[in-house]
C-alpha atoms as a PDB file:
ATOM      1  CA  UNK A   1     179.076 -13.311 -20.052  1.00  0.00           C
ATOM      2  CA  UNK A   2     182.282 -12.575 -18.144  1.00  0.00           C
ATOM      3  CA  UNK A   3     183.813 -15.607 -16.471  1.00  0.00           C
ATOM      4  CA  UNK A   4     184.861 -14.795 -12.912  1.00  0.00           C
ATOM      5  CA  UNK A   5     188.568 -14.956 -12.101  1.00  0.00           C
ATOM      6  CA  UNK A   6     188.581 -17.370  -9.163  1.00  0.00           C
ATOM      7  CA  UNK A   7     191.994 -18.345  -7.795  1.00  0.00           C
ATOM      8  CA  UNK A   8     192.060 -22.038  -6.787  1.00  0.00           C
ATOM      9  CA  UNK A   9     192.439 -22.749  -3.080  1.00  0.00           C
ATOM     10  CA  UNK A  10     194.735 -25.699  -3.849  1.00  0.00           C
ATOM     11  CA  UNK A  11     196.811 -26.677  -6.929  1.00  0.00           C
ATOM     12  CA  UNK A  12     194.759 -28.123  -9.771  1.00  0.00           C
ATOM     13  CA  UNK A  13     195.601 -29.107 -13.328  1.00  0.00           C
ATOM     14  CA  UNK A  14     195.241 -26.357 -15.937  1.00  0.00           C
ATOM     15  CA  UNK A  15     193.390 -28.695 -18.273  1.00  0.00           C
ATOM     16  CA  UNK A  16     191.038 -30.709 -16.047  1.00  0.00           C
ATOM     17  CA  UNK A  17     189.471 -30.515 -12.562  1.00  0.00           C
ATOM     18  CA  UNK A  18     192.009 -32.983 -11.148  1.00  0.00           C
ATOM     19  CA  UNK A  19     193.919 -31.900  -8.052  1.00  0.00           C
ATOM     20  CA  UNK A  20     197.667 -32.165  -8.630  1.00  0.00           C
ATOM     21  CA  UNK A  21     199.321 -34.912  -6.590  1.00  0.00           C
ATOM     22  CA  UNK A  22     202.227 -34.278  -4.240  1.00  0.00           C
ATOM     23  CA  UNK A  23     205.045 -35.187  -6.630  1.00  0.00           C
ATOM     24  CA  UNK A  24     203.528 -32.989  -9.360  1.00  0.00           C
ATOM     25  CA  UNK A  25     203.341 -30.053  -6.956  1.00  0.00           C
ATOM     26  CA  UNK A  26     206.942 -30.634  -5.818  1.00  0.00           C
ATOM     27  CA  UNK A  27     208.147 -30.558  -9.402  1.00  0.00           C
ATOM     28  CA  UNK A  28     206.187 -27.408 -10.127  1.00  0.00           C
ATOM     29  CA  UNK A  29     203.965 -29.020 -12.738  1.00  0.00           C
ATOM     30  CA  UNK A  30     200.981 -27.050 -13.999  1.00  0.00           C
ATOM     31  CA  UNK A  31     199.329 -29.907 -15.903  1.00  0.00           C
ATOM     32  CA  UNK A  32     198.736 -33.441 -14.611  1.00  0.00           C
ATOM     33  CA  UNK A  33     200.381 -36.405 -16.315  1.00  0.00           C
ATOM     34  CA  UNK A  34     197.089 -37.869 -17.655  1.00  0.00           C
ATOM     35  CA  UNK A  35     196.346 -34.577 -19.440  1.00  0.00           C
ATOM     36  CA  UNK A  36     199.895 -34.416 -20.804  1.00  0.00           C
ATOM     37  CA  UNK A  37     199.428 -37.918 -22.243  1.00  0.00           C
ATOM     38  CA  UNK A  38     196.029 -36.955 -23.668  1.00  0.00           C
ATOM     39  CA  UNK A  39     197.290 -33.751 -25.306  1.00  0.00           C
ATOM     40  CA  UNK A  40     200.216 -35.608 -26.851  1.00  0.00           C
ATOM     41  CA  UNK A  41     197.813 -38.192 -28.306  1.00  0.00           C
ATOM     42  CA  UNK A  42     195.501 -35.450 -29.613  1.00  0.00           C
ATOM     43  CA  UNK A  43     198.403 -33.735 -31.400  1.00  0.00           C
ATOM     44  CA  UNK A  44     199.151 -37.055 -33.041  1.00  0.00           C
ATOM     45  CA  UNK A  45     195.501 -37.425 -34.017  1.00  0.00           C
ATOM     46  CA  UNK A  46     195.517 -33.994 -35.665  1.00  0.00           C
ATOM     47  CA  UNK A  47     198.446 -35.141 -37.824  1.00  0.00           C
ATOM     48  CA  UNK A  48     196.640 -38.387 -38.702  1.00  0.00           C
ATOM     49  CA  UNK A  49     193.354 -36.679 -39.598  1.00  0.00           C
ATOM     50  CA  UNK A  50     195.233 -34.087 -41.657  1.00  0.00           C
ATOM     51  CA  UNK A  51     196.398 -36.851 -43.979  1.00  0.00           C
ATOM     52  CA  UNK A  52     192.760 -37.866 -44.603  1.00  0.00           C
ATOM     53  CA  UNK A  53     191.412 -34.406 -45.407  1.00  0.00           C
ATOM     54  CA  UNK A  54     192.589 -34.060 -49.053  1.00  0.00           C
ATOM     55  CA  UNK A  55     190.476 -37.071 -50.086  1.00  0.00           C
ATOM     56  CA  UNK A  56     187.398 -35.186 -48.839  1.00  0.00           C
ATOM     57  CA  UNK A  57     187.868 -32.075 -50.967  1.00  0.00           C
ATOM     58  CA  UNK A  58     185.332 -33.130 -53.581  1.00  0.00           C
ATOM     59  CA  UNK A  59     181.737 -32.348 -52.506  1.00  0.00           C
ATOM     60  CA  UNK A  60     180.050 -35.499 -51.250  1.00  0.00           C
ATOM     61  CA  UNK A  61     183.358 -37.422 -51.028  1.00  0.00           C
ATOM     62  CA  UNK A  62     183.233 -40.649 -49.015  1.00  0.00           C
ATOM     63  CA  UNK A  63     183.485 -39.913 -45.314  1.00  0.00           C
ATOM     64  CA  UNK A  64     182.692 -36.237 -45.717  1.00  0.00           C
ATOM     65  CA  UNK A  65     178.986 -36.630 -46.432  1.00  0.00           C
ATOM     66  CA  UNK A  66     176.916 -34.166 -48.440  1.00  0.00           C
ATOM     67  CA  UNK A  67     176.367 -31.793 -45.553  1.00  0.00           C
ATOM     68  CA  UNK A  68     172.968 -33.195 -44.582  1.00  0.00           C
ATOM     69  CA  UNK A  69     170.959 -30.311 -43.199  1.00  0.00           C
ATOM     70  CA  UNK A  70     173.868 -27.873 -43.404  1.00  0.00           C
ATOM     71  CA  UNK A  71     173.181 -24.578 -45.258  1.00  0.00           C
ATOM     72  CA  UNK A  72     173.772 -24.902 -48.994  1.00  0.00           C
ATOM     73  CA  UNK A  73     175.744 -22.529 -51.156  1.00  0.00           C
ATOM     74  CA  UNK A  74     173.666 -19.822 -52.844  1.00  0.00           C
ATOM     75  CA  UNK A  75     172.711 -20.440 -56.433  1.00  0.00           C
ATOM     76  CA  UNK A  76     170.319 -22.500 -58.505  1.00  0.00           C
ATOM     77  CA  UNK A  77     168.706 -25.452 -56.780  1.00  0.00           C
ATOM     78  CA  UNK A  78     171.125 -28.354 -56.534  1.00  0.00           C
ATOM     79  CA  UNK A  79     174.254 -26.293 -57.291  1.00  0.00           C
ATOM     80  CA  UNK A  80     177.375 -27.126 -55.313  1.00  0.00           C
ATOM     81  CA  UNK A  81     180.765 -25.452 -54.879  1.00  0.00           C
ATOM     82  CA  UNK A  82     183.643 -27.058 -56.822  1.00  0.00           C
ATOM     83  CA  UNK A  83     185.224 -28.275 -53.572  1.00  0.00           C
ATOM     84  CA  UNK A  84     184.216 -28.959 -50.000  1.00  0.00           C
ATOM     85  CA  UNK A  85     184.739 -25.471 -48.574  1.00  0.00           C
ATOM     86  CA  UNK A  86     185.015 -26.649 -44.957  1.00  0.00           C
ATOM     87  CA  UNK A  87     187.848 -29.019 -45.875  1.00  0.00           C
ATOM     88  CA  UNK A  88     189.488 -26.383 -48.072  1.00  0.00           C
ATOM     89  CA  UNK A  89     189.429 -23.925 -45.182  1.00  0.00           C
ATOM     90  CA  UNK A  90     191.171 -26.371 -42.853  1.00  0.00           C
ATOM     91  CA  UNK A  91     193.798 -27.307 -45.440  1.00  0.00           C
ATOM     92  CA  UNK A  92     194.392 -23.659 -46.324  1.00  0.00           C
ATOM     93  CA  UNK A  93     195.445 -22.587 -42.816  1.00  0.00           C
ATOM     94  CA  UNK A  94     192.535 -23.420 -40.553  1.00  0.00           C
ATOM     95  CA  UNK A  95     194.630 -26.081 -38.810  1.00  0.00           C
ATOM     96  CA  UNK A  96     198.167 -24.736 -39.107  1.00  0.00           C
ATOM     97  CA  UNK A  97     197.502 -21.119 -38.105  1.00  0.00           C
ATOM     98  CA  UNK A  98     196.139 -21.766 -34.586  1.00  0.00           C
ATOM     99  CA  UNK A  99     198.843 -24.365 -33.925  1.00  0.00           C
ATOM    100  CA  UNK A 100     201.539 -21.964 -35.165  1.00  0.00           C
ATOM    101  CA  UNK A 101     200.152 -19.323 -32.787  1.00  0.00           C
ATOM    102  CA  UNK A 102     200.669 -21.773 -29.918  1.00  0.00           C
ATOM    103  CA  UNK A 103     204.203 -22.587 -31.072  1.00  0.00           C
ATOM    104  CA  UNK A 104     205.055 -18.871 -31.314  1.00  0.00           C
ATOM    105  CA  UNK A 105     203.761 -18.296 -27.768  1.00  0.00           C
ATOM    106  CA  UNK A 106     205.695 -21.244 -26.359  1.00  0.00           C
ATOM    107  CA  UNK A 107     208.905 -20.101 -28.061  1.00  0.00           C
ATOM    108  CA  UNK A 108     208.522 -16.576 -26.652  1.00  0.00           C
ATOM    109  CA  UNK A 109     208.205 -18.004 -23.155  1.00  0.00           C
ATOM    110  CA  UNK A 110     211.152 -20.345 -23.648  1.00  0.00           C
ATOM    111  CA  UNK A 111     213.366 -17.417 -24.685  1.00  0.00           C
ATOM    112  CA  UNK A 112     212.954 -15.978 -21.193  1.00  0.00           C
ATOM    113  CA  UNK A 113     215.057 -18.799 -19.749  1.00  0.00           C
ATOM    114  CA  UNK A 114     217.207 -20.169 -22.596  1.00  0.00           C
ATOM    115  CA  UNK A 115     218.060 -19.729 -26.240  1.00  0.00           C
ATOM    116  CA  UNK A 116     215.167 -20.581 -28.500  1.00  0.00           C
ATOM    117  CA  UNK A 117     214.996 -19.465 -32.142  1.00  0.00           C
ATOM    118  CA  UNK A 118     211.938 -17.939 -33.739  1.00  0.00           C
ATOM    119  CA  UNK A 119     209.426 -20.260 -35.347  1.00  0.00           C
ATOM    120  CA  UNK A 120     211.000 -21.259 -38.689  1.00  0.00           C
ATOM    121  CA  UNK A 121     209.329 -21.061 -42.056  1.00  0.00           C
ATOM    122  CA  UNK A 122     208.675 -24.643 -43.089  1.00  0.00           C
ATOM    123  CA  UNK A 123     207.218 -24.162 -46.549  1.00  0.00           C
ATOM    124  CA  UNK A 124     203.840 -25.554 -47.560  1.00  0.00           C
ATOM    125  CA  UNK A 125     200.933 -26.501 -45.350  1.00  0.00           C
ATOM    126  CA  UNK A 126     201.915 -30.185 -45.122  1.00  0.00           C
ATOM    127  CA  UNK A 127     205.455 -29.459 -43.916  1.00  0.00           C
ATOM    128  CA  UNK A 128     204.202 -26.731 -41.606  1.00  0.00           C
ATOM    129  CA  UNK A 129     201.644 -29.023 -39.970  1.00  0.00           C
ATOM    130  CA  UNK A 130     204.127 -31.844 -39.489  1.00  0.00           C
ATOM    131  CA  UNK A 131     206.858 -29.550 -38.166  1.00  0.00           C
ATOM    132  CA  UNK A 132     204.607 -27.655 -35.782  1.00  0.00           C
ATOM    133  CA  UNK A 133     202.987 -30.784 -34.348  1.00  0.00           C
ATOM    134  CA  UNK A 134     206.402 -32.404 -33.913  1.00  0.00           C
ATOM    135  CA  UNK A 135     207.801 -29.330 -32.125  1.00  0.00           C
ATOM    136  CA  UNK A 136     204.822 -29.032 -29.787  1.00  0.00           C
ATOM    137  CA  UNK A 137     205.027 -32.722 -28.878  1.00  0.00           C
ATOM    138  CA  UNK A 138     208.765 -32.528 -28.228  1.00  0.00           C
ATOM    139  CA  UNK A 139     208.291 -29.549 -25.903  1.00  0.00           C
ATOM    140  CA  UNK A 140     205.058 -30.645 -24.238  1.00  0.00           C
ATOM    141  CA  UNK A 141     206.811 -31.992 -21.127  1.00  0.00           C
ATOM    142  CA  UNK A 142     208.491 -28.600 -20.602  1.00  0.00           C
ATOM    143  CA  UNK A 143     205.235 -26.738 -21.176  1.00  0.00           C
ATOM    144  CA  UNK A 144     203.316 -28.867 -18.662  1.00  0.00           C
ATOM    145  CA  UNK A 145     205.859 -27.930 -16.020  1.00  0.00           C
ATOM    146  CA  UNK A 146     206.645 -24.308 -16.844  1.00  0.00           C
ATOM    147  CA  UNK A 147     204.334 -22.677 -19.418  1.00  0.00           C
ATOM    148  CA  UNK A 148     201.356 -20.913 -17.805  1.00  0.00           C
ATOM    149  CA  UNK A 149     198.895 -21.292 -20.702  1.00  0.00           C
ATOM    150  CA  UNK A 150     198.931 -24.913 -21.835  1.00  0.00           C
ATOM    151  CA  UNK A 151     195.150 -24.815 -21.541  1.00  0.00           C
ATOM    152  CA  UNK A 152     195.092 -22.558 -24.629  1.00  0.00           C
ATOM    153  CA  UNK A 153     196.486 -25.440 -26.682  1.00  0.00           C
ATOM    154  CA  UNK A 154     194.016 -27.792 -24.995  1.00  0.00           C
ATOM    155  CA  UNK A 155     191.078 -25.621 -26.133  1.00  0.00           C
ATOM    156  CA  UNK A 156     192.557 -25.234 -29.630  1.00  0.00           C
ATOM    157  CA  UNK A 157     192.898 -29.001 -29.998  1.00  0.00           C
ATOM    158  CA  UNK A 158     189.347 -29.608 -28.814  1.00  0.00           C
ATOM    159  CA  UNK A 159     187.992 -27.221 -31.437  1.00  0.00           C
ATOM    160  CA  UNK A 160     190.199 -28.492 -34.277  1.00  0.00           C
ATOM    161  CA  UNK A 161     189.531 -32.137 -33.532  1.00  0.00           C
ATOM    162  CA  UNK A 162     185.806 -31.465 -33.364  1.00  0.00           C
ATOM    163  CA  UNK A 163     185.896 -30.007 -36.875  1.00  0.00           C
ATOM    164  CA  UNK A 164     188.291 -32.576 -38.330  1.00  0.00           C
ATOM    165  CA  UNK A 165     186.543 -35.607 -36.830  1.00  0.00           C
ATOM    166  CA  UNK A 166     183.201 -34.302 -38.014  1.00  0.00           C
ATOM    167  CA  UNK A 167     184.406 -33.922 -41.605  1.00  0.00           C
ATOM    168  CA  UNK A 168     186.107 -37.321 -41.700  1.00  0.00           C
ATOM    169  CA  UNK A 169     183.117 -39.107 -40.162  1.00  0.00           C
ATOM    170  CA  UNK A 170     180.480 -37.096 -42.040  1.00  0.00           C
ATOM    171  CA  UNK A 171     178.885 -35.939 -38.763  1.00  0.00           C
ATOM    172  CA  UNK A 172     178.460 -32.192 -39.240  1.00  0.00           C
ATOM    173  CA  UNK A 173     176.791 -31.388 -35.924  1.00  0.00           C
ATOM    174  CA  UNK A 174     178.462 -28.564 -34.012  1.00  0.00           C
ATOM    175  CA  UNK A 175     179.015 -27.729 -30.362  1.00  0.00           C
ATOM    176  CA  UNK A 176     176.487 -25.276 -28.936  1.00  0.00           C
ATOM    177  CA  UNK A 177     176.907 -22.702 -26.179  1.00  0.00           C
ATOM    178  CA  UNK A 178     174.488 -23.076 -23.280  1.00  0.00           C
ATOM    179  CA  UNK A 179     173.035 -20.735 -20.681  1.00  0.00           C
ATOM    180  CA  UNK A 180     173.406 -19.969 -17.848  1.00  0.00           C
ATOM    181  CA  UNK A 181     177.084 -20.334 -16.857  1.00  0.00           C
ATOM    182  CA  UNK A 182     178.467 -23.331 -14.987  1.00  0.00           C
ATOM    183  CA  UNK A 183     176.718 -23.507 -11.597  1.00  0.00           C
ATOM    184  CA  UNK A 184     179.135 -25.974 -10.010  1.00  0.00           C
ATOM    185  CA  UNK A 185     181.793 -25.161  -7.357  1.00  0.00           C
ATOM    186  CA  UNK A 186     184.892 -23.414  -8.701  1.00  0.00           C
ATOM    187  CA  UNK A 187     187.807 -25.662  -9.529  1.00  0.00           C
ATOM    188  CA  UNK A 188     190.458 -25.955  -6.849  1.00  0.00           C
ATOM    189  CA  UNK A 189     188.027 -25.330  -3.990  1.00  0.00           C
ATOM    190  CA  UNK A 190     186.365 -27.642  -1.476  1.00  0.00           C
ATOM    191  CA  UNK A 191     183.167 -28.678  -3.218  1.00  0.00           C
ATOM    192  CA  UNK A 192     180.985 -29.253  -0.141  1.00  0.00           C
ATOM    193  CA  UNK A 193     181.921 -25.960   1.545  1.00  0.00           C
ATOM    194  CA  UNK A 194     178.974 -23.499   1.395  1.00  0.00           C
ATOM    195  CA  UNK A 195     181.476 -20.641   1.076  1.00  0.00           C
ATOM    196  CA  UNK A 196     183.015 -22.080  -2.102  1.00  0.00           C
ATOM    197  CA  UNK A 197     182.394 -19.730  -5.059  1.00  0.00           C
ATOM    198  CA  UNK A 198     180.576 -20.936  -8.143  1.00  0.00           C
ATOM    199  CA  UNK A 199     182.487 -21.541 -11.366  1.00  0.00           C
ATOM    200  CA  UNK A 200     180.421 -19.437 -13.764  1.00  0.00           C
ATOM    201  CA  UNK A 201     182.326 -20.676 -16.824  1.00  0.00           C
ATOM    202  CA  UNK A 202     180.883 -21.148 -20.319  1.00  0.00           C
ATOM    203  CA  UNK A 203     179.044 -24.421 -20.834  1.00  0.00           C
ATOM    204  CA  UNK A 204     178.962 -26.075 -24.246  1.00  0.00           C
ATOM    205  CA  UNK A 205     177.012 -29.076 -25.504  1.00  0.00           C
ATOM    206  CA  UNK A 206     178.794 -31.572 -27.792  1.00  0.00           C
ATOM    207  CA  UNK A 207     176.066 -33.466 -29.687  1.00  0.00           C
ATOM    208  CA  UNK A 208     178.510 -36.034 -31.070  1.00  0.00           C
ATOM    209  CA  UNK A 209     179.413 -37.259 -27.605  1.00  0.00           C
ATOM    210  CA  UNK A 210     176.226 -36.180 -25.782  1.00  0.00           C
ATOM    211  CA  UNK A 211     178.335 -34.366 -23.213  1.00  0.00           C
ATOM    212  CA  UNK A 212     178.232 -30.919 -21.617  1.00  0.00           C
ATOM    213  CA  UNK A 213     181.616 -29.352 -20.850  1.00  0.00           C
ATOM    214  CA  UNK A 214     182.723 -26.291 -18.921  1.00  0.00           C
ATOM    215  CA  UNK A 215     185.638 -24.395 -20.479  1.00  0.00           C
ATOM    216  CA  UNK A 216     186.661 -22.986 -17.096  1.00  0.00           C
ATOM    217  CA  UNK A 217     186.518 -25.805 -14.558  1.00  0.00           C
ATOM    218  CA  UNK A 218     187.011 -28.501 -17.257  1.00  0.00           C
ATOM    219  CA  UNK A 219     184.249 -30.707 -15.916  1.00  0.00           C
ATOM    220  CA  UNK A 220     182.346 -32.915 -18.352  1.00  0.00           C
ATOM    221  CA  UNK A 221     178.814 -34.187 -17.821  1.00  0.00           C
ATOM    222  CA  UNK A 222     177.074 -37.033 -19.625  1.00  0.00           C
ATOM    223  CA  UNK A 223     173.267 -37.406 -19.834  1.00  0.00           C
ATOM    224  CA  UNK A 224     173.114 -39.091 -16.425  1.00  0.00           C
ATOM    225  CA  UNK A 225     174.538 -35.902 -14.852  1.00  0.00           C
ATOM    226  CA  UNK A 226     172.335 -33.333 -16.581  1.00  0.00           C
ATOM    227  CA  UNK A 227     169.776 -33.406 -13.800  1.00  0.00           C
ATOM    228  CA  UNK A 228     172.575 -32.353 -11.403  1.00  0.00           C
ATOM    229  CA  UNK A 229     173.310 -29.341 -13.599  1.00  0.00           C
ATOM    230  CA  UNK A 230     169.624 -28.553 -13.926  1.00  0.00           C
ATOM    231  CA  UNK A 231     169.132 -28.667 -10.164  1.00  0.00           C
ATOM    232  CA  UNK A 232     172.155 -26.439  -9.566  1.00  0.00           C
ATOM    233  CA  UNK A 233     171.388 -23.878 -12.265  1.00  0.00           C
ATOM    234  CA  UNK A 234     167.602 -23.901 -12.246  1.00  0.00           C
ATOM    235  CA  UNK A 235     167.513 -24.504 -15.991  1.00  0.00           C
ATOM    236  CA  UNK A 236     169.975 -25.527 -18.697  1.00  0.00           C
ATOM    237  CA  UNK A 237     169.074 -24.488 -22.247  1.00  0.00           C
ATOM    238  CA  UNK A 238     169.969 -27.234 -24.721  1.00  0.00           C
ATOM    239  CA  UNK A 239     168.657 -28.149 -28.135  1.00  0.00           C
ATOM    240  CA  UNK A 240     166.120 -29.600 -25.707  1.00  0.00           C
ATOM    241  CA  UNK A 241     165.419 -28.523 -22.114  1.00  0.00           C
ATOM    242  CA  UNK A 242     166.552 -30.163 -18.895  1.00  0.00           C
ATOM    243  CA  UNK A 243     164.331 -28.826 -16.099  1.00  0.00           C
ATOM    244  CA  UNK A 244     165.484 -28.424 -12.546  1.00  0.00           C
ATOM    245  CA  UNK A 245     164.952 -31.488 -10.344  1.00  0.00           C
END
């Protein structure tokens, strides 16, 4: 599905449906202050969870669970890999690589207006994670006011934290894509205007939080709101079905 490119009618935050307030617009901000605070906290949480991952390397380690109903490695019944492969993947670059990609992109944009060196080599994964998170947090205020793609980091953090929290807690459920696309009014438009275009963004269901999110308009819907989505879309396909009202 191709998400429609709908230009907002008034300034809205890149990372949530919130309309930017007057002072934020005057200062040229692209991301609202609540989202800046949230992203900063989520970067800190990534660093905290990273420290807990090595203890989960052994299959069935406390906190990581035994995978429950997750697919098992091929081999004789009861065989297990020598290490938790999901944890190993995150520690081997699954966390640092997407965050380094964001740092590289931010540095390229910064070099358009002032001197900014290339992303340095920081050594091993631990030093790289700490250095990258620190740099992104230090430059987050600039990015929220000048960088046009902060929402890329927002999506990256949501995915990483979903994986990391699931491993630490032992909850291995995954987000699921839903159909059809988001039927709600496009972000940055008057919601009760019949001429307002529909969002059409990708909806995903997070079973850990029992919430449906749209990656385009950034709205989030709990169970009490699913009938609204069902009425607007006609049908929302979940692990269960919510019929139209």
